[in-house]
Structures are given as structure tokens and as C-alpha cells.
Amino acid sequence: MAAGVPVLATMSEGACEIIDPDQTGRLVPLRDVDALAREMLGLLQDRSECDRLSANARRAARARFSLERMVDETEDVYREVLTARQSLISV
């Protein structure tokens, strides 16, 4: 997604968490080789759809996995741990 290419994946748990179907990529049923081939050929034949999916995917990857967001979320975890620890010490 971050590389700016259309994403085509099977409906694994991880892929389903990251890919928004028909917005940031395409998902096909697990072990469905024919569906995978159809989607792949369809994307190869439709440059504008590839461009649309790629642009959406890149934006989503930047928003979800940016350095700023990772730092903010890590700081939040540390704050929660420190708050919980202080609560235990106060008791």
C-alpha cells in the first residue's frame, strides 16, 4: 500500500484488517485461484482503477502507519502504564 501499487490479497485476517475492499485494494476468497486470477487480470486491464486504488492505498498507509502516529500511540501506552503504576503506589 505504501509503495503506491494496487493491493490484491486473499481474505486473510490480517489483510481484512488493513484493506478496505474496493477502496484501498481488492480481496478475494481464500484458496480461490480463479477469483485471484480474474481480479489480477481486471486490474491489469484497467489503468484508471489501478491508479485510484493505489492513491487511496497510499493515503491510508500514510495515515495509519506514519511515524507521528506510531510515536503518539507509543507515548499513550507509556502514559497508561505510568498512571496505573502511580495508582498502585498510592494505595
PDB file of N, CA and C in Angstrom:
ATOM      1  N   MET A   1       0.826  -1.185   0.000  1.00  0.00           N
ATOM      2  CA  MET A   1       0.000   0.000   0.000  1.00  0.00           C
ATOM      3  C   MET A   1       0.874   1.255   0.000  1.00  0.00           C
ATOM      4  N   ALA A   2       1.892   1.273   0.832  1.00  0.00           N
ATOM      5  CA  ALA A   2       2.761   2.444   0.911  1.00  0.00           C
ATOM      6  C   ALA A   2       3.576   2.637  -0.361  1.00  0.00           C
ATOM      7  N   ALA A   3       3.777   1.576  -1.131  1.00  0.00           N
ATOM      8  CA  ALA A   3       4.562   1.671  -2.357  1.00  0.00           C
ATOM      9  C   ALA A   3       3.765   2.256  -3.513  1.00  0.00           C
ATOM     10  N   GLY A   4       2.476   2.445  -3.332  1.00  0.00           N
ATOM     11  CA  GLY A   4       1.665   3.047  -4.370  1.00  0.00           C
ATOM     12  C   GLY A   4       1.319   2.116  -5.512  1.00  0.00           C
ATOM     13  N   VAL A   5       1.121   0.859  -5.183  1.00  0.00           N
ATOM     14  CA  VAL A   5       0.674  -0.110  -6.189  1.00  0.00           C
ATOM     15  C   VAL A   5      -0.655  -0.698  -5.729  1.00  0.00           C
ATOM     16  N   PRO A   6      -1.487  -1.157  -6.667  1.00  0.00           N
ATOM     17  CA  PRO A   6      -2.758  -1.756  -6.251  1.00  0.00           C
ATOM     18  C   PRO A   6      -2.503  -3.014  -5.421  1.00  0.00           C
ATOM     19  N   VAL A   7      -3.282  -3.182  -4.376  1.00  0.00           N
ATOM     20  CA  VAL A   7      -3.124  -4.333  -3.495  1.00  0.00           C
ATOM     21  C   VAL A   7      -4.219  -5.346  -3.790  1.00  0.00           C
ATOM     22  N   LEU A   8      -3.800  -6.569  -4.030  1.00  0.00           N
ATOM     23  CA  LEU A   8      -4.715  -7.682  -4.262  1.00  0.00           C
ATOM     24  C   LEU A   8      -4.300  -8.787  -3.313  1.00  0.00           C
ATOM     25  N   ALA A   9      -5.212  -9.210  -2.451  1.00  0.00           N
ATOM     26  CA  ALA A   9      -4.867 -10.201  -1.431  1.00  0.00           C
ATOM     27  C   ALA A   9      -6.048 -11.127  -1.170  1.00  0.00           C
ATOM     28  N   THR A  10      -5.748 -12.237  -0.510  1.00  0.00           N
ATOM     29  CA  THR A  10      -6.818 -13.126  -0.087  1.00  0.00           C
ATOM     30  C   THR A  10      -7.405 -12.615   1.220  1.00  0.00           C
ATOM     31  N   MET A  11      -8.589 -13.067   1.537  1.00  0.00           N
ATOM     32  CA  MET A  11      -9.317 -12.589   2.715  1.00  0.00           C
ATOM     33  C   MET A  11      -8.777 -13.200   4.008  1.00  0.00           C
ATOM     34  N   SER A  12      -7.488 -13.045   4.224  1.00  0.00           N
ATOM     35  CA  SER A  12      -6.898 -13.493   5.482  1.00  0.00           C
ATOM     36  C   SER A  12      -7.246 -12.472   6.557  1.00  0.00           C
ATOM     37  N   GLU A  13      -7.079 -12.858   7.800  1.00  0.00           N
ATOM     38  CA  GLU A  13      -7.441 -11.969   8.899  1.00  0.00           C
ATOM     39  C   GLU A  13      -6.665 -10.655   8.831  1.00  0.00           C
ATOM     40  N   GLY A  14      -5.369 -10.740   8.593  1.00  0.00           N
ATOM     41  CA  GLY A  14      -4.545  -9.536   8.531  1.00  0.00           C
ATOM     42  C   GLY A  14      -4.910  -8.634   7.373  1.00  0.00           C
ATOM     43  N   ALA A  15      -5.109  -9.220   6.207  1.00  0.00           N
ATOM     44  CA  ALA A  15      -5.459  -8.427   5.029  1.00  0.00           C
ATOM     45  C   ALA A  15      -6.804  -7.740   5.220  1.00  0.00           C
ATOM     46  N   CYS A  16      -7.748  -8.424   5.832  1.00  0.00           N
ATOM     47  CA  CYS A  16      -9.073  -7.842   6.056  1.00  0.00           C
ATOM     48  C   CYS A  16      -9.022  -6.664   7.031  1.00  0.00           C
ATOM     49  N   GLU A  17      -8.039  -6.662   7.929  1.00  0.00           N
ATOM     50  CA  GLU A  17      -7.895  -5.550   8.867  1.00  0.00           C
ATOM     51  C   GLU A  17      -7.320  -4.313   8.192  1.00  0.00           C
ATOM     52  N   ILE A  18      -6.503  -4.517   7.180  1.00  0.00           N
ATOM     53  CA  ILE A  18      -5.774  -3.413   6.566  1.00  0.00           C
ATOM     54  C   ILE A  18      -6.431  -2.895   5.300  1.00  0.00           C
ATOM     55  N   ILE A  19      -6.975  -3.784   4.489  1.00  0.00           N
ATOM     56  CA  ILE A  19      -7.502  -3.405   3.179  1.00  0.00           C
ATOM     57  C   ILE A  19      -8.990  -3.123   3.259  1.00  0.00           C
ATOM     58  N   ASP A  20      -9.371  -1.973   2.756  1.00  0.00           N
ATOM     59  CA  ASP A  20     -10.781  -1.605   2.636  1.00  0.00           C
ATOM     60  C   ASP A  20     -11.208  -1.994   1.219  1.00  0.00           C
ATOM     61  N   PRO A  21     -12.015  -3.064   1.080  1.00  0.00           N
ATOM     62  CA  PRO A  21     -12.346  -3.580  -0.253  1.00  0.00           C
ATOM     63  C   PRO A  21     -12.895  -2.514  -1.198  1.00  0.00           C
ATOM     64  N   ASP A  22     -12.359  -2.525  -2.395  1.00  0.00           N
ATOM     65  CA  ASP A  22     -12.741  -1.606  -3.470  1.00  0.00           C
ATOM     66  C   ASP A  22     -12.432  -0.146  -3.160  1.00  0.00           C
ATOM     67  N   GLN A  23     -11.729   0.103  -2.080  1.00  0.00           N
ATOM     68  CA  GLN A  23     -11.259   1.462  -1.773  1.00  0.00           C
ATOM     69  C   GLN A  23      -9.735   1.513  -1.774  1.00  0.00           C
ATOM     70  N   THR A  24      -9.110   0.610  -1.018  1.00  0.00           N
ATOM     71  CA  THR A  24      -7.641   0.599  -0.947  1.00  0.00           C
ATOM     72  C   THR A  24      -7.045  -0.666  -1.561  1.00  0.00           C
ATOM     73  N   GLY A  25      -7.880  -1.556  -2.032  1.00  0.00           N
ATOM     74  CA  GLY A  25      -7.393  -2.782  -2.649  1.00  0.00           C
ATOM     75  C   GLY A  25      -8.537  -3.719  -2.950  1.00  0.00           C
ATOM     76  N   ARG A  26      -8.171  -4.905  -3.348  1.00  0.00           N
ATOM     77  CA  ARG A  26      -9.160  -5.931  -3.654  1.00  0.00           C
ATOM     78  C   ARG A  26      -8.867  -7.171  -2.819  1.00  0.00           C
ATOM     79  N   LEU A  27      -9.925  -7.795  -2.347  1.00  0.00           N
ATOM     80  CA  LEU A  27      -9.815  -9.034  -1.574  1.00  0.00           C
ATOM     81  C   LEU A  27     -10.573 -10.141  -2.295  1.00  0.00           C
ATOM     82  N   VAL A  28      -9.976 -11.315  -2.302  1.00  0.00           N
ATOM     83  CA  VAL A  28     -10.627 -12.488  -2.896  1.00  0.00           C
ATOM     84  C   VAL A  28     -10.682 -13.590  -1.847  1.00  0.00           C
ATOM     85  N   PRO A  29     -11.621 -14.517  -1.976  1.00  0.00           N
ATOM     86  CA  PRO A  29     -11.726 -15.610  -1.002  1.00  0.00           C
ATOM     87  C   PRO A  29     -10.436 -16.437  -0.938  1.00  0.00           C
ATOM     88  N   LEU A  30     -10.187 -16.958   0.246  1.00  0.00           N
ATOM     89  CA  LEU A  30      -9.026 -17.831   0.437  1.00  0.00           C
ATOM     90  C   LEU A  30      -9.098 -19.025  -0.507  1.00  0.00           C
ATOM     91  N   ARG A  31      -7.981 -19.408  -1.039  1.00  0.00           N
ATOM     92  CA  ARG A  31      -7.831 -20.593  -1.893  1.00  0.00           C
ATOM     93  C   ARG A  31      -8.677 -20.543  -3.178  1.00  0.00           C
ATOM     94  N   ASP A  32      -9.104 -19.365  -3.588  1.00  0.00           N
ATOM     95  CA  ASP A  32      -9.876 -19.236  -4.827  1.00  0.00           C
ATOM     96  C   ASP A  32      -8.960 -18.676  -5.910  1.00  0.00           C
ATOM     97  N   VAL A  33      -8.230 -19.566  -6.554  1.00  0.00           N
ATOM     98  CA  VAL A  33      -7.247 -19.185  -7.555  1.00  0.00           C
ATOM     99  C   VAL A  33      -7.907 -18.482  -8.736  1.00  0.00           C
ATOM    100  N   ASP A  34      -9.084 -18.941  -9.138  1.00  0.00           N
ATOM    101  CA  ASP A  34      -9.779 -18.327 -10.264  1.00  0.00           C
ATOM    102  C   ASP A  34     -10.156 -16.873  -9.958  1.00  0.00           C
ATOM    103  N   ALA A  35     -10.649 -16.622  -8.763  1.00  0.00           N
ATOM    104  CA  ALA A  35     -11.009 -15.252  -8.376  1.00  0.00           C
ATOM    105  C   ALA A  35      -9.759 -14.366  -8.338  1.00  0.00           C
ATOM    106  N   LEU A  36      -8.682 -14.897  -7.832  1.00  0.00           N
ATOM    107  CA  LEU A  36      -7.425 -14.147  -7.787  1.00  0.00           C
ATOM    108  C   LEU A  36      -6.976 -13.780  -9.197  1.00  0.00           C
ATOM    109  N   ALA A  37      -7.025 -14.751 -10.107  1.00  0.00           N
ATOM    110  CA  ALA A  37      -6.619 -14.514 -11.499  1.00  0.00           C
ATOM    111  C   ALA A  37      -7.540 -13.488 -12.162  1.00  0.00           C
ATOM    112  N   ARG A  38      -8.848 -13.588 -11.942  1.00  0.00           N
ATOM    113  CA  ARG A  38      -9.806 -12.644 -12.529  1.00  0.00           C
ATOM    114  C   ARG A  38      -9.528 -11.211 -12.061  1.00  0.00           C
ATOM    115  N   GLU A  39      -9.332 -11.064 -10.759  1.00  0.00           N
ATOM    116  CA  GLU A  39      -9.067  -9.727 -10.210  1.00  0.00           C
ATOM    117  C   GLU A  39      -7.743  -9.175 -10.723  1.00  0.00           C
ATOM    118  N   MET A  40      -6.751 -10.025 -10.799  1.00  0.00           N
ATOM    119  CA  MET A  40      -5.444  -9.597 -11.284  1.00  0.00           C
ATOM    120  C   MET A  40      -5.545  -9.120 -12.737  1.00  0.00           C
ATOM    121  N   LEU A  41      -6.198  -9.913 -13.575  1.00  0.00           N
ATOM    122  CA  LEU A  41      -6.372  -9.527 -14.975  1.00  0.00           C
ATOM    123  C   LEU A  41      -7.207  -8.253 -15.099  1.00  0.00           C
ATOM    124  N   GLY A  42      -8.239  -8.158 -14.280  1.00  0.00           N
ATOM    125  CA  GLY A  42      -9.077  -6.963 -14.308  1.00  0.00           C
ATOM    126  C   GLY A  42      -8.287  -5.707 -13.976  1.00  0.00           C
ATOM    127  N   LEU A  43      -7.425  -5.798 -12.974  1.00  0.00           N
ATOM    128  CA  LEU A  43      -6.615  -4.640 -12.611  1.00  0.00           C
ATOM    129  C   LEU A  43      -5.584  -4.323 -13.690  1.00  0.00           C
ATOM    130  N   LEU A  44      -5.016  -5.340 -14.282  1.00  0.00           N
ATOM    131  CA  LEU A  44      -4.036  -5.109 -15.348  1.00  0.00           C
ATOM    132  C   LEU A  44      -4.669  -4.428 -16.561  1.00  0.00           C
ATOM    133  N   GLN A  45      -5.960  -4.656 -16.765  1.00  0.00           N
ATOM    134  CA  GLN A  45      -6.650  -4.089 -17.925  1.00  0.00           C
ATOM    135  C   GLN A  45      -7.293  -2.732 -17.653  1.00  0.00           C
ATOM    136  N   ASP A  46      -7.307  -2.300 -16.403  1.00  0.00           N
ATOM    137  CA  ASP A  46      -7.987  -1.046 -16.053  1.00  0.00           C
ATOM    138  C   ASP A  46      -7.019  -0.124 -15.316  1.00  0.00           C
ATOM    139  N   ARG A  47      -6.288   0.653 -16.080  1.00  0.00           N
ATOM    140  CA  ARG A  47      -5.255   1.534 -15.508  1.00  0.00           C
ATOM    141  C   ARG A  47      -5.850   2.564 -14.554  1.00  0.00           C
ATOM    142  N   SER A  48      -7.006   3.111 -14.891  1.00  0.00           N
ATOM    143  CA  SER A  48      -7.595   4.133 -14.016  1.00  0.00           C
ATOM    144  C   SER A  48      -7.999   3.535 -12.667  1.00  0.00           C
ATOM    145  N   GLU A  49      -8.484   2.303 -12.666  1.00  0.00           N
ATOM    146  CA  GLU A  49      -8.827   1.646 -11.396  1.00  0.00           C
ATOM    147  C   GLU A  49      -7.559   1.369 -10.588  1.00  0.00           C
ATOM    148  N   CYS A  50      -6.508   0.961 -11.255  1.00  0.00           N
ATOM    149  CA  CYS A  50      -5.220   0.752 -10.566  1.00  0.00           C
ATOM    150  C   CYS A  50      -4.744   2.049  -9.919  1.00  0.00           C
ATOM    151  N   ASP A  51      -4.821   3.128 -10.666  1.00  0.00           N
ATOM    152  CA  ASP A  51      -4.392   4.429 -10.146  1.00  0.00           C
ATOM    153  C   ASP A  51      -5.238   4.850  -8.946  1.00  0.00           C
ATOM    154  N   ARG A  52      -6.549   4.647  -9.049  1.00  0.00           N
ATOM    155  CA  ARG A  52      -7.454   5.026  -7.948  1.00  0.00           C
ATOM    156  C   ARG A  52      -7.154   4.226  -6.692  1.00  0.00           C
ATOM    157  N   LEU A  53      -7.061   2.897  -6.834  1.00  0.00           N
ATOM    158  CA  LEU A  53      -6.760   2.043  -5.680  1.00  0.00           C
ATOM    159  C   LEU A  53      -5.399   2.385  -5.088  1.00  0.00           C
ATOM    160  N   SER A  54      -4.419   2.614  -5.956  1.00  0.00           N
ATOM    161  CA  SER A  54      -3.062   2.935  -5.497  1.00  0.00           C
ATOM    162  C   SER A  54      -3.036   4.227  -4.688  1.00  0.00           C
ATOM    163  N   ALA A  55      -3.693   5.250  -5.191  1.00  0.00           N
ATOM    164  CA  ALA A  55      -3.722   6.540  -4.487  1.00  0.00           C
ATOM    165  C   ALA A  55      -4.420   6.412  -3.139  1.00  0.00           C
ATOM    166  N   ASN A  56      -5.553   5.732  -3.115  1.00  0.00           N
ATOM    167  CA  ASN A  56      -6.276   5.524  -1.853  1.00  0.00           C
ATOM    168  C   ASN A  56      -5.442   4.716  -0.871  1.00  0.00           C
ATOM    169  N   ALA A  57      -4.783   3.677  -1.364  1.00  0.00           N
ATOM    170  CA  ALA A  57      -3.973   2.818  -0.503  1.00  0.00           C
ATOM    171  C   ALA A  57      -2.801   3.586   0.087  1.00  0.00           C
ATOM    172  N   ARG A  58      -2.155   4.384  -0.726  1.00  0.00           N
ATOM    173  CA  ARG A  58      -1.005   5.163  -0.232  1.00  0.00           C
ATOM    174  C   ARG A  58      -1.448   6.135   0.860  1.00  0.00           C
ATOM    175  N   ARG A  59      -2.564   6.820   0.634  1.00  0.00           N
ATOM    176  CA  ARG A  59      -3.082   7.749   1.662  1.00  0.00           C
ATOM    177  C   ARG A  59      -3.409   7.003   2.950  1.00  0.00           C
ATOM    178  N   ALA A  60      -4.059   5.857   2.825  1.00  0.00           N
ATOM    179  CA  ALA A  60      -4.427   5.080   4.012  1.00  0.00           C
ATOM    180  C   ALA A  60      -3.185   4.600   4.763  1.00  0.00           C
ATOM    181  N   ALA A  61      -2.185   4.141   4.030  1.00  0.00           N
ATOM    182  CA  ALA A  61      -0.957   3.660   4.679  1.00  0.00           C
ATOM    183  C   ALA A  61      -0.259   4.794   5.415  1.00  0.00           C
ATOM    184  N   ARG A  62      -0.194   5.949   4.794  1.00  0.00           N
ATOM    185  CA  ARG A  62       0.448   7.099   5.463  1.00  0.00           C
ATOM    186  C   ARG A  62      -0.304   7.499   6.724  1.00  0.00           C
ATOM    187  N   ALA A  63      -1.623   7.477   6.660  1.00  0.00           N
ATOM    188  CA  ALA A  63      -2.430   7.867   7.819  1.00  0.00           C
ATOM    189  C   ALA A  63      -2.324   6.852   8.948  1.00  0.00           C
ATOM    190  N   ARG A  64      -2.338   5.570   8.606  1.00  0.00           N
ATOM    191  CA  ARG A  64      -2.371   4.531   9.632  1.00  0.00           C
ATOM    192  C   ARG A  64      -1.014   4.164  10.185  1.00  0.00           C
ATOM    193  N   PHE A  65       0.034   4.324   9.389  1.00  0.00           N
ATOM    194  CA  PHE A  65       1.346   3.827   9.789  1.00  0.00           C
ATOM    195  C   PHE A  65       2.426   4.897   9.774  1.00  0.00           C
ATOM    196  N   SER A  66       2.049   6.143   9.940  1.00  0.00           N
ATOM    197  CA  SER A  66       3.039   7.220   9.934  1.00  0.00           C
ATOM    198  C   SER A  66       3.884   7.168  11.210  1.00  0.00           C
ATOM    199  N   LEU A  67       5.071   7.727  11.133  1.00  0.00           N
ATOM    200  CA  LEU A  67       5.959   7.787  12.293  1.00  0.00           C
ATOM    201  C   LEU A  67       5.301   8.576  13.419  1.00  0.00           C
ATOM    202  N   GLU A  68       4.654   9.693  13.061  1.00  0.00           N
ATOM    203  CA  GLU A  68       3.978  10.508  14.080  1.00  0.00           C
ATOM    204  C   GLU A  68       2.943   9.703  14.854  1.00  0.00           C
ATOM    205  N   ARG A  69       2.131   8.972  14.130  1.00  0.00           N
ATOM    206  CA  ARG A  69       1.083   8.186  14.790  1.00  0.00           C
ATOM    207  C   ARG A  69       1.688   7.099  15.674  1.00  0.00           C
ATOM    208  N   MET A  70       2.719   6.442  15.182  1.00  0.00           N
ATOM    209  CA  MET A  70       3.345   5.386  15.990  1.00  0.00           C
ATOM    210  C   MET A  70       3.945   5.966  17.268  1.00  0.00           C
ATOM    211  N   VAL A  71       4.592   7.134  17.176  1.00  0.00           N
ATOM    212  CA  VAL A  71       5.171   7.774  18.358  1.00  0.00           C
ATOM    213  C   VAL A  71       4.063   8.171  19.329  1.00  0.00           C
ATOM    214  N   ASP A  72       2.995   8.787  18.814  1.00  0.00           N
ATOM    215  CA  ASP A  72       1.878   9.197  19.676  1.00  0.00           C
ATOM    216  C   ASP A  72       1.261   8.006  20.398  1.00  0.00           C
ATOM    217  N   GLU A  73       1.052   6.922  19.685  1.00  0.00           N
ATOM    218  CA  GLU A  73       0.437   5.747  20.301  1.00  0.00           C
ATOM    219  C   GLU A  73       1.373   5.077  21.306  1.00  0.00           C
ATOM    220  N   THR A  74       2.666   5.097  21.038  1.00  0.00           N
ATOM    221  CA  THR A  74       3.635   4.540  22.000  1.00  0.00           C
ATOM    222  C   THR A  74       3.648   5.386  23.262  1.00  0.00           C
ATOM    223  N   GLU A  75       3.625   6.703  23.104  1.00  0.00           N
ATOM    224  CA  GLU A  75       3.567   7.591  24.276  1.00  0.00           C
ATOM    225  C   GLU A  75       2.297   7.342  25.086  1.00  0.00           C
ATOM    226  N   ASP A  76       1.186   7.118  24.421  1.00  0.00           N
ATOM    227  CA  ASP A  76      -0.075   6.831  25.116  1.00  0.00           C
ATOM    228  C   ASP A  76       0.047   5.572  25.966  1.00  0.00           C
ATOM    229  N   VAL A  77       0.688   4.547  25.440  1.00  0.00           N
ATOM    230  CA  VAL A  77       0.875   3.305  26.199  1.00  0.00           C
ATOM    231  C   VAL A  77       1.710   3.580  27.438  1.00  0.00           C
ATOM    232  N   TYR A  78       2.805   4.327  27.284  1.00  0.00           N
ATOM    233  CA  TYR A  78       3.652   4.653  28.435  1.00  0.00           C
ATOM    234  C   TYR A  78       2.870   5.444  29.484  1.00  0.00           C
ATOM    235  N   ARG A  79       2.062   6.404  29.036  1.00  0.00           N
ATOM    236  CA  ARG A  79       1.261   7.188  29.988  1.00  0.00           C
ATOM    237  C   ARG A  79       0.290   6.291  30.764  1.00  0.00           C
ATOM    238  N   GLU A  80      -0.356   5.362  30.065  1.00  0.00           N
ATOM    239  CA  GLU A  80      -1.293   4.447  30.723  1.00  0.00           C
ATOM    240  C   GLU A  80      -0.578   3.595  31.765  1.00  0.00           C
ATOM    241  N   VAL A  81       0.599   3.098  31.426  1.00  0.00           N
ATOM    242  CA  VAL A  81       1.357   2.263  32.366  1.00  0.00           C
ATOM    243  C   VAL A  81       1.785   3.084  33.578  1.00  0.00           C
ATOM    244  N   LEU A  82       2.272   4.279  33.337  1.00  0.00           N
ATOM    245  CA  LEU A  82       2.692   5.129  34.451  1.00  0.00           C
ATOM    246  C   LEU A  82       1.520   5.506  35.353  1.00  0.00           C
ATOM    247  N   THR A  83       0.382   5.805  34.755  1.00  0.00           N
ATOM    248  CA  THR A  83      -0.810   6.145  35.535  1.00  0.00           C
ATOM    249  C   THR A  83      -1.250   4.954  36.377  1.00  0.00           C
ATOM    250  N   ALA A  84      -1.266   3.769  35.777  1.00  0.00           N
ATOM    251  CA  ALA A  84      -1.648   2.568  36.519  1.00  0.00           C
ATOM    252  C   ALA A  84      -0.655   2.296  37.649  1.00  0.00           C
ATOM    253  N   ARG A  85       0.613   2.487  37.381  1.00  0.00           N
ATOM    254  CA  ARG A  85       1.651   2.243  38.415  1.00  0.00           C
ATOM    255  C   ARG A  85       1.483   3.216  39.566  1.00  0.00           C
ATOM    256  N   GLN A  86       1.246   4.489  39.245  1.00  0.00           N
ATOM    257  CA  GLN A  86       1.055   5.501  40.293  1.00  0.00           C
ATOM    258  C   GLN A  86      -0.177   5.197  41.132  1.00  0.00           C
ATOM    259  N   SER A  87      -1.213   4.664  40.530  1.00  0.00           N
ATOM    260  CA  SER A  87      -2.427   4.285  41.258  1.00  0.00           C
ATOM    261  C   SER A  87      -2.116   3.161  42.244  1.00  0.00           C
ATOM    262  N   LEU A  88      -1.291   2.221  41.854  1.00  0.00           N
ATOM    263  CA  LEU A  88      -0.927   1.114  42.735  1.00  0.00           C
ATOM    264  C   LEU A  88      -0.061   1.587  43.889  1.00  0.00           C
ATOM    265  N   ILE A  89       0.837   2.526  43.628  1.00  0.00           N
ATOM    266  CA  ILE A  89       1.724   3.055  44.678  1.00  0.00           C
ATOM    267  C   ILE A  89       0.918   3.858  45.681  1.00  0.00           C
ATOM    268  N   SER A  90      -0.099   4.570  45.221  1.00  0.00           N
ATOM    269  CA  SER A  90      -0.912   5.427  46.092  1.00  0.00           C
ATOM    270  C   SER A  90      -1.773   4.621  47.063  1.00  0.00           C
ATOM    271  N   VAL A  91      -2.020   3.366  46.711  1.00  0.00           N
ATOM    272  CA  VAL A  91      -2.924   2.552  47.549  1.00  0.00           C
ATOM    273  C   VAL A  91      -2.267   2.096  48.778  1.00  0.00           C
TER     274      VAL A  91
END
